[in-house]
Amino acid sequence: MIAELIDKQDTFEIVRDKIAEILVTESANQVVLATIAGKQNPEDWAFDVFVVRSNAWERFIDDPENPTPIVHVWYETSTFDRSASDVVKNQKSDSSFNIDVYGYGETRFDANSQTPGDKEAILETQRVIKLIRNILMSAEYTYLGLRGTVWGRWPESIHMFQPEINDQVSQNISGGRIRFDVSFSETSPQIPGVDLEYVSACVERTEDGQVVLTADYDYTA
């Protein structure tokens, strides 16, 4: 039986949380940089990040006064590469994480025109997708800050979608998904090591060319 309690995070959990951590940190940093750069609205670089939350976009309904874009990070699937793994400890995993982005838009009117809410929501979503792709694929995060654990990362695909509320498409909320692939190793419990008994040996050659082996070790009959 396994001698130790399995009380650890698997690597896919660590990577999922690390992606969210990077996005939270860099969003705040971008707001600061936008402020320093004198941008008219630094909050354009802000977004809220959630991990493993069902229907994160419902915040737009519960709190319509907060239009900050929403980002939801969740783990989807893993496949294991036998050729790069071993049967004892390490299993190389190629895993996919979904980064869902939700933007909110209000229909706006002025004296001469109307800006539809659905258009504003789509543009908001695509703007945040741009920020996320640039953050995660920047040189600073080649290994997502987990060098030695993560082998590599790649944005596999991006696609847009329309969230549904009560089986009806929302006109004021738009969604987009970045499918983000990360390769890393998973580990498993090992058999505790056994102390070895060391033997000290000396190999010598006599004058007539005979090879002599002298060993020093404890022996109990």
Protein backbone atom coordinates (compact mmCIF):
# COMPACT_ATOMS: atom_id res chain seq x y z
CA MET A 1 0.00 0.00 0.00
CA ILE A 2 1.06 3.62 -0.52
CA ALA A 3 2.89 4.69 2.64
CA GLU A 4 2.27 8.44 2.39
CA LEU A 5 -0.83 10.64 2.42
CA ILE A 6 -1.57 12.14 -1.00
CA ASP A 7 -1.87 15.70 0.22
CA LYS A 8 -0.55 17.87 -2.59
CA GLN A 9 -1.61 19.89 -5.59
CA ASP A 10 -1.17 18.31 -9.00
CA THR A 11 0.72 20.46 -11.48
CA PHE A 12 -2.42 21.27 -13.50
CA GLU A 13 -3.88 22.96 -10.39
CA ILE A 14 -0.68 24.92 -9.82
CA VAL A 15 -0.57 26.05 -13.46
CA ARG A 16 -4.28 27.02 -13.46
CA ASP A 17 -3.82 29.20 -10.37
CA LYS A 18 -0.56 30.64 -11.72
CA ILE A 19 -2.25 31.80 -14.93
CA ALA A 20 -4.88 33.59 -12.84
CA GLU A 21 -2.20 35.11 -10.59
CA ILE A 22 -0.26 36.43 -13.58
CA LEU A 23 -3.36 38.04 -15.08
CA VAL A 24 -4.37 39.71 -11.79
CA THR A 25 -0.86 41.06 -11.21
CA GLU A 26 -0.31 42.28 -14.75
CA SER A 27 -3.75 43.89 -15.06
CA ALA A 28 -3.00 46.01 -11.99
CA ASN A 29 0.47 46.78 -13.34
CA GLN A 30 -0.94 47.86 -16.71
CA VAL A 31 -3.33 50.27 -14.99
CA VAL A 32 -0.33 51.83 -13.22
CA LEU A 33 1.65 52.06 -16.47
CA ALA A 34 -1.34 53.59 -18.28
CA THR A 35 -1.63 56.18 -15.51
CA ILE A 36 2.08 57.05 -15.77
CA ALA A 37 1.72 57.28 -19.55
CA GLY A 38 -1.09 59.81 -19.12
CA LYS A 39 -3.79 57.71 -20.76
CA GLN A 40 -7.25 59.24 -20.58
CA ASN A 41 -8.82 56.17 -18.95
CA PRO A 42 -6.27 53.83 -17.28
CA GLU A 43 -9.14 51.57 -16.17
CA ASP A 44 -9.35 50.37 -19.76
CA TRP A 45 -6.48 48.05 -18.75
CA ALA A 46 -8.39 46.61 -15.78
CA PHE A 47 -10.30 43.33 -15.65
CA ASP A 48 -11.55 41.06 -12.85
CA VAL A 49 -10.23 37.49 -12.70
CA PHE A 50 -12.07 34.42 -11.40
CA VAL A 51 -10.99 30.77 -11.13
CA VAL A 52 -13.43 27.87 -11.57
CA ARG A 53 -16.62 29.87 -11.25
CA SER A 54 -19.79 28.84 -13.00
CA ASN A 55 -21.34 31.66 -15.06
CA ALA A 56 -18.91 34.33 -13.88
CA TRP A 57 -20.56 36.79 -16.29
CA GLU A 58 -23.71 36.85 -14.10
CA ARG A 59 -21.97 39.60 -12.14
CA PHE A 60 -23.02 41.95 -14.93
CA ILE A 61 -26.63 41.15 -14.05
CA ASP A 62 -26.16 41.25 -10.27
CA ASP A 63 -24.06 44.43 -10.38
CA PRO A 64 -24.86 46.36 -13.58
CA GLU A 65 -23.05 49.42 -12.24
CA ASN A 66 -19.74 47.55 -12.54
CA PRO A 67 -18.89 47.14 -16.25
CA THR A 68 -15.31 45.94 -15.63
CA PRO A 69 -14.59 43.03 -18.01
CA ILE A 70 -14.55 39.56 -16.47
CA VAL A 71 -11.93 36.84 -17.02
CA HIS A 72 -12.56 33.24 -15.99
CA VAL A 73 -9.70 30.71 -15.89
CA TRP A 74 -10.45 26.99 -15.81
CA TYR A 75 -8.77 23.68 -16.60
CA GLU A 76 -10.28 21.56 -19.36
CA THR A 77 -8.22 18.53 -20.40
CA SER A 78 -4.87 16.73 -20.38
CA THR A 79 -3.21 14.16 -22.59
CA PHE A 80 -0.06 12.32 -21.54
CA ASP A 81 2.99 11.75 -23.73
CA ARG A 82 4.38 8.24 -23.17
CA SER A 83 7.54 8.92 -25.14
CA ALA A 84 8.55 11.80 -22.85
CA SER A 85 7.48 10.15 -19.59
CA ASP A 86 8.59 7.28 -17.38
CA VAL A 87 6.54 4.57 -15.69
CA VAL A 88 7.94 5.37 -12.24
CA LYS A 89 7.60 9.06 -11.40
CA ASN A 90 7.11 11.64 -14.17
CA GLN A 91 4.28 11.83 -16.68
CA LYS A 92 4.56 14.59 -19.29
CA SER A 93 1.19 16.30 -19.67
CA ASP A 94 -0.02 18.46 -22.54
CA SER A 95 -2.94 20.31 -20.95
CA SER A 96 -5.51 22.83 -22.12
CA PHE A 97 -6.84 25.71 -20.05
CA ASN A 98 -9.73 27.92 -21.09
CA ILE A 99 -9.52 31.64 -20.43
CA ASP A 100 -13.02 33.01 -20.95
CA VAL A 101 -13.43 36.77 -21.36
CA TYR A 102 -16.76 38.59 -20.96
CA GLY A 103 -17.39 42.18 -21.98
CA TYR A 104 -20.43 44.30 -21.21
CA GLY A 105 -21.87 47.12 -23.31
CA GLU A 106 -24.74 49.58 -22.93
CA THR A 107 -26.62 51.04 -25.85
CA ARG A 108 -25.73 54.74 -25.97
CA PHE A 109 -27.55 57.57 -27.68
CA ASP A 110 -26.48 61.07 -28.55
CA ALA A 111 -27.97 63.78 -30.68
CA ASN A 112 -26.84 62.27 -33.96
CA SER A 113 -26.17 58.57 -33.48
CA GLN A 114 -26.66 55.38 -31.52
CA THR A 115 -23.97 52.98 -30.32
CA PRO A 116 -25.47 49.48 -29.93
CA GLY A 117 -24.69 47.68 -26.68
CA ASP A 118 -23.83 44.42 -28.43
CA LYS A 119 -21.16 46.13 -30.52
CA GLU A 120 -19.60 47.76 -27.45
CA ALA A 121 -19.61 44.40 -25.62
CA ILE A 122 -17.85 42.64 -28.51
CA LEU A 123 -15.19 45.35 -28.77
CA GLU A 124 -14.63 45.20 -24.99
CA THR A 125 -14.20 41.43 -25.10
CA GLN A 126 -11.76 41.54 -28.00
CA ARG A 127 -9.75 44.33 -26.34
CA VAL A 128 -9.24 42.22 -23.20
CA ILE A 129 -8.42 39.12 -25.25
CA LYS A 130 -5.65 41.18 -26.85
CA LEU A 131 -4.29 42.15 -23.44
CA ILE A 132 -4.35 38.57 -22.13
CA ARG A 133 -2.62 37.09 -25.17
CA ASN A 134 0.11 39.71 -25.00
CA ILE A 135 0.60 39.18 -21.25
CA LEU A 136 0.82 35.38 -21.32
CA MET A 137 2.99 35.26 -24.44
CA SER A 138 5.41 37.95 -23.30
CA ALA A 139 9.06 36.95 -22.81
CA GLU A 140 8.69 37.41 -19.05
CA TYR A 141 6.29 34.46 -18.94
CA THR A 142 7.94 31.98 -21.32
CA TYR A 143 7.60 29.37 -18.57
CA LEU A 144 4.76 31.12 -16.68
CA GLY A 145 7.15 31.82 -13.81
CA LEU A 146 7.43 28.04 -13.24
CA ARG A 147 10.71 27.22 -14.98
CA GLY A 148 11.71 23.65 -14.24
CA THR A 149 8.05 22.62 -14.03
CA VAL A 150 6.51 24.08 -17.20
CA TRP A 151 8.03 22.94 -20.51
CA GLY A 152 6.22 25.48 -22.69
CA ARG A 153 2.95 27.36 -23.37
CA TRP A 154 1.00 28.26 -26.49
CA PRO A 155 -2.33 29.98 -27.42
CA GLU A 156 -3.98 27.16 -29.36
CA SER A 157 -7.07 29.11 -30.50
CA ILE A 158 -9.36 32.09 -29.90
CA HIS A 159 -13.04 32.16 -30.67
CA MET A 160 -15.97 34.44 -29.86
CA PHE A 161 -19.35 33.34 -28.52
CA GLN A 162 -22.57 34.82 -27.16
CA PRO A 163 -23.57 33.89 -23.58
CA GLU A 164 -27.16 32.82 -23.02
CA ILE A 165 -29.44 34.00 -20.22
CA ASN A 166 -32.50 31.81 -19.64
CA ASP A 167 -31.92 30.15 -23.02
CA GLN A 168 -31.85 33.52 -24.76
CA VAL A 169 -28.80 35.23 -26.25
CA SER A 170 -27.73 38.26 -24.26
CA GLN A 171 -27.56 41.45 -26.32
CA ASN A 172 -25.36 43.32 -23.84
CA ILE A 173 -22.77 40.64 -22.99
CA SER A 174 -20.20 39.16 -25.33
CA GLY A 175 -17.82 36.26 -24.71
CA GLY A 176 -14.50 35.13 -26.10
CA ARG A 177 -12.36 32.10 -25.26
CA ILE A 178 -8.61 31.67 -25.42
CA ARG A 179 -7.70 28.00 -25.44
CA PHE A 180 -4.27 28.01 -23.81
CA ASP A 181 -2.03 24.93 -23.96
CA VAL A 182 0.67 24.27 -21.37
CA SER A 183 3.11 21.35 -21.17
CA PHE A 184 4.46 20.18 -17.82
CA SER A 185 5.24 17.10 -15.75
CA GLU A 186 2.93 15.45 -13.25
CA THR A 187 4.46 13.35 -10.47
CA SER A 188 3.16 10.46 -8.36
CA PRO A 189 4.02 8.89 -4.97
CA GLN A 190 7.25 6.89 -4.83
CA ILE A 191 8.50 3.92 -2.82
CA PRO A 192 10.65 5.19 0.08
CA GLY A 193 14.35 4.71 -0.58
CA VAL A 194 16.37 2.03 1.15
CA ASP A 195 19.78 2.79 2.68
CA LEU A 196 22.56 1.07 0.76
CA GLU A 197 25.42 -0.87 2.32
CA TYR A 198 28.61 0.50 0.87
CA VAL A 199 31.59 -1.66 -0.06
CA SER A 200 35.01 -0.07 -0.41
CA ALA A 201 37.25 -1.81 -2.94
CA CYS A 202 40.78 -1.22 -4.17
CA VAL A 203 42.11 -2.71 -7.41
CA GLU A 204 45.89 -3.22 -7.66
CA ARG A 205 48.26 -4.91 -10.08
CA THR A 206 51.19 -6.98 -8.76
CA GLU A 207 54.67 -6.94 -10.26
CA ASP A 208 53.95 -10.04 -12.31
CA GLY A 209 50.78 -8.47 -13.78
CA GLN A 210 48.20 -10.20 -11.59
CA VAL A 211 45.15 -8.12 -10.73
CA VAL A 212 44.30 -8.11 -7.02
CA LEU A 213 41.07 -6.78 -5.53
CA THR A 214 41.05 -5.76 -1.85
CA ALA A 215 37.60 -5.07 -0.31
CA ASP A 216 36.59 -3.59 3.02
CA TYR A 217 33.10 -4.30 4.29
CA ASP A 218 31.18 -5.37 7.37
CA TYR A 219 30.19 -9.01 7.39
CA THR A 220 27.98 -10.79 9.89
CA ALA A 221 27.86 -14.57 9.73
